[in-house]
Amino acid sequence: MNDVTLTALVHRNHECIGIHFSNIGELNSVIKKLPHIKWSRTHTCWYVPLSKENYTAIITALHGIAEINNRALYVHLSAKKKDLQYQLKISVPKKKPAHANIPSPFATIESRHEKITGIQPVNEHVLPALEQQLRLKAYSSSTIKTYTGEMSRLLQLLQHKAADHLTAADIKRYLLYCYQKLQLSENTLHSRMNALKFYYEQVLGNEKIFWEIPRPKKQIQNPHFFNQDEITQIIKHTPNIKHKTMLMLAYSTGMRVSEVTRLKVWQIDSKRMQIIVQQAKGKKDRMTTLSPVLLVMLREYCKVCKPKADSYLFGGQNPDEPYSTRSLQLILQGAKQRAGIVKPGSVHALRHSFATHLLDKGTDVTMIMKLLGHNDIKTTLRYLHVTNRDVLQIISPLDSLDLD
């Protein structure tokens, strides 16, 4: 499911709610229909006046199609020491102890799906069965969350019709409805199809009916990346040493945002000038390079923040828990705003920048593939579309004209 972050911002001397999200067609079309919605070139986001009615309209419009992070908005309102957080009825979950996220072996899987409404008794068994099979196959928590979320959309639509009895023709009609009526993006449709395919083939053991269901062609998009001047400005406009070190780490190694936040102190090998990345995407270990400049920065950071040797390098509010990936995304967006950078791009764009700039300098593509932890060389080759290594050697025919 798509992520939307709500923040407080001041636009033309008026307090507003900023709406931040990746440029996804499905979300854009919904948000454009909100009352009082406007686009801010200064803040590079959609915004509405700060009010209870506008907040409720956002929550209602995005229900079921996006996960909303309102922590930054809540923190802003709390800092004002006023009653606005009560008037807006914004709540932030209390911090749970580290053991709270570990499911009890005696707890039923069913209890974790009680909050999903609109699923009739005839289909109450579907989500627990799906989650159980995903856990038995050791799928990641993010995949489990995505698959159960996508499956729940179908169950809510089916009402009293049994999901287990759907045919290939029924699923085709449902996917056509998702594309034409809901106007879901190609990526979202692929996620929904993967969830359905897993349930009907892996859980129910049905024949491979999805062979006859065509998949939508994905849009071919070049990866977003920053040039080196923009990277420099982002780093310079990040005053906090912890935040600056995390952004420098992401750019200098090409690590994913979750890999940065979950990195532990012992994974920095200064003797061999390498960083050990453990159990990354696809449950793979890999090694990546440790920049001498980054090593100096890491030592300065450790002098100031003193992380525990056996814990996370960048701890959260509780040092024994990793730093929030969403917080790091907001830190980058704040640095971009202070630096006057309007180009779109999240922390993942720093990973793209790492690969693109290595290609620009002539680094072998197979070495970049190894550093990024890609399984398929095709994934790495897409950076060839954005590198300027060969383009700079091309002379435009305009340059040969005699215009004097």
Protein backbone atom coordinates (compact mmCIF):
# COMPACT_ATOMS: atom_id res chain seq x y z
CA MET A 1 0.00 0.00 0.00
CA ASN A 2 1.19 3.55 -0.75
CA ASP A 3 2.52 5.79 2.05
CA VAL A 4 1.33 9.37 2.65
CA THR A 5 2.95 11.69 5.20
CA LEU A 6 1.09 14.67 6.68
CA THR A 7 3.15 17.59 7.97
CA ALA A 8 2.48 21.08 9.24
CA LEU A 9 3.77 23.94 7.11
CA VAL A 10 3.33 27.70 6.87
CA HIS A 11 2.37 28.94 3.42
CA ARG A 12 1.83 32.65 2.86
CA ASN A 13 1.48 33.24 6.60
CA HIS A 14 -1.21 30.56 6.96
CA GLU A 15 -0.86 27.22 8.72
CA CYS A 16 -1.50 24.31 6.39
CA ILE A 17 -1.39 20.54 6.24
CA GLY A 18 1.28 19.38 3.79
CA ILE A 19 0.56 16.11 1.94
CA HIS A 20 3.74 14.27 0.89
CA PHE A 21 3.83 11.08 -1.22
CA SER A 22 5.54 9.51 -4.19
CA ASN A 23 4.15 10.64 -7.55
CA ILE A 24 1.64 7.82 -8.05
CA GLY A 25 -1.25 8.37 -10.45
CA GLU A 26 -3.83 6.71 -8.23
CA LEU A 27 -3.03 8.98 -5.28
CA ASN A 28 -2.69 12.10 -7.41
CA SER A 29 -6.16 11.67 -8.89
CA VAL A 30 -7.72 11.23 -5.42
CA ILE A 31 -5.85 14.10 -3.73
CA LYS A 32 -6.61 16.56 -6.55
CA LYS A 33 -10.32 16.16 -5.72
CA LEU A 34 -9.93 17.24 -2.08
CA PRO A 35 -11.64 20.53 -1.16
CA HIS A 36 -9.34 23.57 -0.89
CA ILE A 37 -6.41 21.54 -2.27
CA LYS A 38 -3.50 23.50 -3.80
CA TRP A 39 0.02 22.78 -5.00
CA SER A 40 3.00 24.52 -3.39
CA ARG A 41 6.06 24.94 -5.58
CA THR A 42 7.97 26.18 -2.55
CA HIS A 43 7.33 23.08 -0.46
CA THR A 44 6.88 20.70 -3.46
CA CYS A 45 3.73 19.14 -2.07
CA TRP A 46 -0.06 19.43 -2.05
CA TYR A 47 -1.54 21.34 0.88
CA VAL A 48 -4.84 22.39 2.49
CA PRO A 49 -5.58 24.88 5.29
CA LEU A 50 -5.03 23.39 8.76
CA SER A 51 -8.48 22.51 10.09
CA LYS A 52 -10.42 19.58 11.50
CA GLU A 53 -12.65 19.41 8.40
CA ASN A 54 -9.71 19.28 5.98
CA TYR A 55 -7.89 16.68 8.07
CA THR A 56 -11.02 14.50 8.13
CA ALA A 57 -11.44 14.90 4.37
CA ILE A 58 -7.87 13.67 3.78
CA ILE A 59 -8.31 10.64 6.05
CA THR A 60 -11.64 9.74 4.44
CA ALA A 61 -10.40 10.12 0.85
CA LEU A 62 -7.27 8.01 1.40
CA HIS A 63 -8.91 5.28 3.46
CA GLY A 64 -8.08 1.90 1.97
CA ILE A 65 -5.62 3.15 -0.65
CA ALA A 66 -2.80 4.60 1.48
CA GLU A 67 -1.18 4.33 4.88
CA ILE A 68 -1.10 7.73 6.56
CA ASN A 69 1.77 8.85 8.79
CA ASN A 70 0.61 11.83 10.86
CA ARG A 71 3.42 11.79 13.45
CA ALA A 72 5.10 14.98 12.20
CA LEU A 73 1.77 16.83 12.27
CA TYR A 74 1.03 15.54 15.75
CA VAL A 75 4.46 16.60 17.05
CA HIS A 76 3.98 20.10 15.62
CA LEU A 77 0.58 20.52 17.26
CA SER A 78 1.85 19.17 20.57
CA ALA A 79 4.73 21.63 20.55
CA LYS A 80 2.28 24.56 20.31
CA LYS A 81 0.78 23.52 23.67
CA LYS A 82 -2.74 24.15 22.39
CA ASP A 83 -5.84 22.06 22.10
CA LEU A 84 -5.65 21.63 18.33
CA GLN A 85 -4.61 18.00 18.60
CA TYR A 86 -7.84 17.35 20.50
CA GLN A 87 -9.93 19.32 18.05
CA LEU A 88 -8.45 17.44 15.09
CA LYS A 89 -8.75 14.16 16.98
CA ILE A 90 -5.24 13.17 15.89
CA SER A 91 -3.72 10.35 17.89
CA VAL A 92 -0.24 8.88 17.77
CA PRO A 93 0.42 5.32 18.93
CA LYS A 94 2.26 4.96 22.20
CA LYS A 95 5.73 3.49 22.00
CA LYS A 96 5.64 -0.24 22.69
CA PRO A 97 8.37 -2.11 24.52
CA ALA A 98 10.80 -4.05 22.34
CA HIS A 99 9.13 -7.38 23.15
CA ALA A 100 5.65 -6.15 22.15
CA ASN A 101 6.29 -6.84 18.45
CA ILE A 102 7.14 -10.49 19.11
CA PRO A 103 3.94 -12.52 18.62
CA SER A 104 3.15 -14.96 21.41
CA PRO A 105 3.15 -18.60 20.27
CA PHE A 106 -0.16 -18.98 22.10
CA ALA A 107 -1.84 -16.03 20.30
CA THR A 108 -4.12 -16.82 17.37
CA ILE A 109 -3.36 -15.34 13.99
CA GLU A 110 -7.04 -14.44 13.71
CA SER A 111 -6.71 -11.76 16.40
CA ARG A 112 -4.31 -9.76 14.23
CA HIS A 113 -7.01 -9.28 11.58
CA GLU A 114 -9.85 -8.12 13.84
CA LYS A 115 -9.27 -4.48 12.86
CA ILE A 116 -10.04 -5.20 9.18
CA THR A 117 -13.75 -4.55 8.79
CA GLY A 118 -16.21 -5.52 6.08
CA ILE A 119 -15.14 -9.18 5.80
CA GLN A 120 -18.09 -11.55 6.12
CA PRO A 121 -18.00 -14.82 8.12
CA VAL A 122 -17.81 -16.89 4.92
CA ASN A 123 -14.35 -15.42 4.27
CA GLU A 124 -13.04 -14.96 7.82
CA HIS A 125 -10.61 -17.85 7.42
CA VAL A 126 -8.85 -16.42 4.34
CA LEU A 127 -6.46 -13.88 5.90
CA PRO A 128 -5.32 -16.13 8.78
CA ALA A 129 -4.68 -18.98 6.32
CA LEU A 130 -2.80 -16.65 3.98
CA GLU A 131 -0.64 -15.23 6.77
CA GLN A 132 0.11 -18.66 8.20
CA GLN A 133 1.37 -19.96 4.85
CA LEU A 134 3.45 -16.81 4.28
CA ARG A 135 5.08 -17.19 7.70
CA LEU A 136 5.75 -20.90 7.16
CA LYS A 137 7.56 -19.97 3.94
CA ALA A 138 9.51 -17.30 5.89
CA TYR A 139 8.33 -14.34 3.82
CA SER A 140 9.37 -10.91 5.11
CA SER A 141 7.04 -8.90 7.36
CA SER A 142 6.63 -6.24 4.65
CA THR A 143 5.54 -8.88 2.10
CA ILE A 144 3.09 -10.37 4.60
CA LYS A 145 1.64 -6.92 5.25
CA THR A 146 1.31 -6.21 1.52
CA TYR A 147 -0.26 -9.56 0.60
CA THR A 148 -2.80 -9.58 3.46
CA GLY A 149 -3.68 -5.94 2.71
CA GLU A 150 -4.25 -6.62 -1.00
CA MET A 151 -6.27 -9.76 -0.25
CA SER A 152 -8.46 -7.89 2.22
CA ARG A 153 -9.57 -5.48 -0.56
CA LEU A 154 -11.02 -8.40 -2.51
CA LEU A 155 -12.73 -9.88 0.56
CA GLN A 156 -14.38 -6.57 1.42
CA LEU A 157 -15.74 -6.33 -2.13
CA LEU A 158 -17.02 -9.92 -2.23
CA GLN A 159 -19.30 -9.46 0.78
CA HIS A 160 -21.15 -12.81 1.24
CA LYS A 161 -19.61 -14.57 -1.77
CA ALA A 162 -16.99 -17.20 -0.89
CA ALA A 163 -13.51 -16.24 -2.09
CA ASP A 164 -12.44 -19.88 -2.29
CA HIS A 165 -14.92 -20.55 -5.10
CA LEU A 166 -13.81 -17.81 -7.49
CA THR A 167 -12.87 -18.88 -11.01
CA ALA A 168 -10.26 -17.47 -13.38
CA ALA A 169 -13.07 -15.54 -15.12
CA ASP A 170 -14.13 -13.99 -11.78
CA ILE A 171 -10.59 -12.89 -11.01
CA LYS A 172 -10.21 -11.40 -14.50
CA ARG A 173 -13.35 -9.32 -13.97
CA TYR A 174 -12.09 -8.20 -10.57
CA LEU A 175 -8.70 -7.12 -11.94
CA LEU A 176 -10.39 -5.27 -14.80
CA TYR A 177 -12.51 -3.48 -12.19
CA CYS A 178 -9.31 -2.53 -10.29
CA TYR A 179 -7.76 -1.12 -13.44
CA GLN A 180 -10.75 0.67 -14.98
CA LYS A 181 -12.84 1.75 -11.98
CA LEU A 182 -10.26 2.09 -9.21
CA GLN A 183 -7.57 3.22 -11.66
CA LEU A 184 -4.82 1.42 -9.77
CA SER A 185 -1.28 1.81 -11.02
CA GLU A 186 0.50 -1.03 -12.81
CA ASN A 187 2.74 -1.64 -9.79
CA THR A 188 -0.22 -1.89 -7.43
CA LEU A 189 -1.98 -4.29 -9.80
CA HIS A 190 1.11 -6.50 -9.87
CA SER A 191 1.16 -6.58 -6.05
CA ARG A 192 -2.54 -7.46 -5.97
CA MET A 193 -2.08 -10.21 -8.53
CA ASN A 194 0.87 -11.65 -6.59
CA ALA A 195 -1.23 -11.79 -3.42
CA LEU A 196 -4.14 -13.51 -5.18
CA LYS A 197 -1.82 -15.91 -6.97
CA PHE A 198 -0.17 -16.92 -3.68
CA TYR A 199 -3.50 -17.58 -1.98
CA TYR A 200 -5.13 -19.59 -4.75
CA GLU A 201 -2.06 -21.58 -5.74
CA GLN A 202 0.00 -21.85 -2.52
CA VAL A 203 -2.74 -21.87 0.14
CA LEU A 204 -5.64 -23.55 -1.66
CA GLY A 205 -3.42 -25.63 -3.96
CA ASN A 206 -5.49 -24.81 -7.05
CA GLU A 207 -4.24 -25.22 -10.59
CA LYS A 208 -2.07 -22.42 -11.93
CA ILE A 209 -5.02 -20.39 -13.22
CA PHE A 210 -2.95 -17.23 -13.36
CA TRP A 211 -1.15 -18.48 -16.47
CA GLU A 212 -4.21 -17.38 -18.44
CA ILE A 213 -4.55 -13.98 -16.74
CA PRO A 214 -2.43 -11.33 -18.49
CA ARG A 215 -0.31 -9.00 -16.37
CA PRO A 216 -0.36 -5.25 -17.05
CA LYS A 217 2.75 -3.89 -18.70
CA LYS A 218 4.76 -1.82 -16.22
CA GLN A 219 5.81 1.70 -17.07
CA ILE A 220 9.49 2.01 -17.92
CA GLN A 221 10.81 4.76 -15.67
CA ASN A 222 14.35 5.91 -15.15
CA PRO A 223 15.51 5.91 -11.52
CA HIS A 224 15.44 9.25 -9.70
CA PHE A 225 18.88 10.45 -8.65
CA PHE A 226 20.66 13.61 -7.50
CA ASN A 227 23.72 15.13 -9.14
CA GLN A 228 26.83 15.59 -7.02
CA ASP A 229 26.21 19.30 -6.44
CA GLU A 230 22.75 18.46 -5.07
CA ILE A 231 24.22 15.73 -2.84
CA THR A 232 26.70 18.29 -1.49
CA GLN A 233 23.91 20.76 -0.71
CA ILE A 234 21.80 18.09 0.99
CA ILE A 235 24.69 17.15 3.27
CA LYS A 236 25.59 20.78 4.01
CA HIS A 237 21.97 21.58 4.91
CA THR A 238 21.76 18.72 7.42
CA PRO A 239 23.13 20.23 10.66
CA ASN A 240 22.54 17.26 13.00
CA ILE A 241 25.64 15.03 13.00
CA LYS A 242 23.60 11.82 13.35
CA HIS A 243 21.30 12.70 10.47
CA LYS A 244 24.21 13.88 8.30
CA THR A 245 26.13 10.64 8.92
CA MET A 246 23.11 8.52 7.95
CA LEU A 247 22.60 10.38 4.67
CA MET A 248 26.33 10.20 3.87
CA LEU A 249 26.25 6.47 4.60
CA ALA A 250 23.30 5.92 2.27
CA TYR A 251 24.98 7.79 -0.59
CA SER A 252 28.52 6.44 -0.15
CA THR A 253 27.46 2.77 0.02
CA GLY A 254 24.23 2.54 -1.98
CA MET A 255 22.51 0.92 1.01
CA ARG A 256 18.71 0.86 1.24
CA VAL A 257 17.03 3.02 3.87
CA SER A 258 16.13 -0.03 6.01
CA GLU A 259 19.73 -1.28 5.77
CA VAL A 260 21.04 2.07 7.01
CA THR A 261 18.68 2.29 9.98
CA ARG A 262 19.23 -1.33 11.04
CA LEU A 263 23.01 -1.28 10.73
CA LYS A 264 24.85 -2.36 13.88
CA VAL A 265 28.17 -1.05 15.13
CA TRP A 266 30.05 -4.32 14.63
CA GLN A 267 29.12 -4.36 10.92
CA ILE A 268 31.63 -1.53 10.27
CA ASP A 269 34.94 -3.22 9.41
CA SER A 270 37.49 -0.38 9.40
CA LYS A 271 40.42 -2.80 9.03
CA ARG A 272 39.25 -4.03 5.64
CA MET A 273 37.39 -0.78 4.82
CA GLN A 274 34.16 -2.67 4.28
CA ILE A 275 30.62 -2.69 5.66
CA ILE A 276 28.82 -5.97 6.23
CA VAL A 277 25.18 -5.79 5.13
CA GLN A 278 23.29 -8.65 6.75
CA GLN A 279 20.05 -10.28 5.63
CA ALA A 280 19.09 -7.51 3.22
CA LYS A 281 16.33 -7.74 0.61
CA GLY A 282 15.97 -11.35 -0.49
CA LYS A 283 17.58 -12.47 2.80
CA LYS A 284 21.07 -12.05 1.39
CA ASP A 285 24.32 -10.95 3.02
CA ARG A 286 26.76 -8.78 1.08
CA MET A 287 29.78 -6.54 1.51
CA THR A 288 29.96 -2.93 0.42
CA THR A 289 32.73 -0.35 0.42
CA LEU A 290 33.61 1.90 3.37
CA SER A 291 34.66 5.37 2.24
CA PRO A 292 37.62 6.94 4.12
CA VAL A 293 35.62 10.20 4.32
CA LEU A 294 32.68 8.32 5.78
CA LEU A 295 34.95 6.55 8.28
CA VAL A 296 36.13 9.92 9.62
CA MET A 297 32.50 11.04 9.89
CA LEU A 298 31.50 7.81 11.66
CA ARG A 299 34.26 8.28 14.23
CA GLU A 300 33.14 11.86 14.91
CA TYR A 301 29.55 10.66 15.24
CA CYS A 302 30.53 7.89 17.68
CA LYS A 303 32.42 10.41 19.85
CA VAL A 304 29.30 12.56 20.13
CA CYS A 305 26.48 10.00 20.27
CA LYS A 306 28.34 7.00 21.78
CA PRO A 307 26.28 4.11 20.34
CA LYS A 308 26.55 0.79 22.20
CA ALA A 309 29.09 -1.57 20.67
CA ASP A 310 26.59 -4.46 20.59
CA SER A 311 23.59 -2.46 19.40
CA TYR A 312 22.34 -0.36 16.48
CA LEU A 313 24.71 2.24 15.08
CA PHE A 314 21.80 4.68 14.75
CA GLY A 315 19.41 3.90 17.58
CA GLY A 316 15.94 5.37 17.86
CA GLN A 317 14.45 7.02 20.94
CA ASN A 318 15.14 3.67 22.56
CA PRO A 319 18.83 2.93 21.73
CA ASP A 320 18.02 -0.79 21.56
CA GLU A 321 15.64 -0.19 18.65
CA PRO A 322 16.59 0.93 15.11
CA TYR A 323 16.03 4.47 13.90
CA SER A 324 12.71 5.01 12.09
CA THR A 325 12.96 4.80 8.30
CA ARG A 326 10.09 7.29 7.99
CA SER A 327 11.98 9.79 10.17
CA LEU A 328 15.05 9.49 7.93
CA GLN A 329 12.85 10.12 4.87
CA LEU A 330 11.51 13.29 6.51
CA ILE A 331 15.06 14.39 7.36
CA LEU A 332 16.05 14.16 3.68
CA GLN A 333 12.95 16.08 2.57
CA GLY A 334 13.76 18.81 5.11
CA ALA A 335 17.35 19.05 3.88
CA LYS A 336 16.15 19.30 0.27
CA GLN A 337 13.75 22.06 1.22
CA ARG A 338 16.45 24.04 3.05
CA ALA A 339 18.82 23.56 0.09
CA GLY A 340 16.16 24.71 -2.40
CA ILE A 341 16.14 21.38 -4.26
CA VAL A 342 12.77 20.73 -5.94
CA LYS A 343 13.79 17.56 -7.77
CA PRO A 344 11.75 14.56 -6.55
CA GLY A 345 13.59 11.83 -4.71
CA SER A 346 13.59 9.95 -1.40
CA VAL A 347 16.45 8.30 0.50
CA HIS A 348 16.31 5.55 -2.13
CA ALA A 349 17.37 8.19 -4.68
CA LEU A 350 20.70 8.33 -2.81
CA ARG A 351 21.15 4.64 -3.68
CA HIS A 352 20.36 5.44 -7.32
CA SER A 353 22.82 8.35 -7.17
CA PHE A 354 25.55 6.04 -5.85
CA ALA A 355 25.12 3.64 -8.79
CA THR A 356 24.78 6.39 -11.42
CA HIS A 357 27.86 8.29 -10.26
CA LEU A 358 29.95 5.10 -10.18
CA LEU A 359 28.93 4.42 -13.78
CA ASP A 360 29.80 8.00 -14.73
CA LYS A 361 33.32 7.36 -13.37
CA GLY A 362 33.70 4.17 -15.44
CA THR A 363 33.12 1.54 -12.73
CA ASP A 364 32.34 -1.90 -14.15
CA VAL A 365 28.61 -2.64 -14.08
CA THR A 366 29.13 -6.12 -12.57
CA MET A 367 30.98 -4.55 -9.62
CA ILE A 368 28.07 -2.12 -9.10
CA MET A 369 25.69 -5.08 -9.25
CA LYS A 370 27.69 -6.77 -6.47
CA LEU A 371 27.78 -3.66 -4.28
CA LEU A 372 24.03 -3.08 -4.62
CA GLY A 373 23.16 -6.75 -4.01
CA HIS A 374 21.18 -7.20 -7.24
CA ASN A 375 20.25 -10.73 -8.33
CA ASP A 376 19.81 -9.86 -12.00
CA ILE A 377 22.21 -7.81 -14.10
CA LYS A 378 19.16 -6.35 -15.89
CA THR A 379 18.27 -4.47 -12.71
CA THR A 380 21.69 -2.82 -12.66
CA LEU A 381 21.75 -2.12 -16.40
CA ARG A 382 18.86 0.33 -16.09
CA TYR A 383 21.37 2.85 -14.71
CA LEU A 384 22.91 2.95 -18.17
CA HIS A 385 19.86 4.97 -19.23
CA VAL A 386 20.75 7.83 -16.88
CA THR A 387 24.55 7.88 -16.89
CA ASN A 388 26.20 10.70 -18.86
CA ARG A 389 29.51 8.87 -19.42
CA ASP A 390 28.88 8.28 -23.14
CA VAL A 391 26.44 11.14 -23.74
CA LEU A 392 29.10 13.75 -22.93
CA GLN A 393 31.18 12.46 -25.85
CA ILE A 394 28.40 13.18 -28.35
CA ILE A 395 28.65 16.50 -30.17
CA SER A 396 25.30 18.07 -31.00
CA PRO A 397 24.84 19.03 -34.70
CA LEU A 398 23.87 22.50 -33.42
CA ASP A 399 27.46 23.02 -32.30
CA SER A 400 28.76 22.67 -35.87
CA LEU A 401 26.56 25.42 -37.32
CA ASP A 402 28.17 28.73 -38.29
CA LEU A 403 25.81 31.15 -36.51
CA ASP A 404 28.18 34.18 -36.43
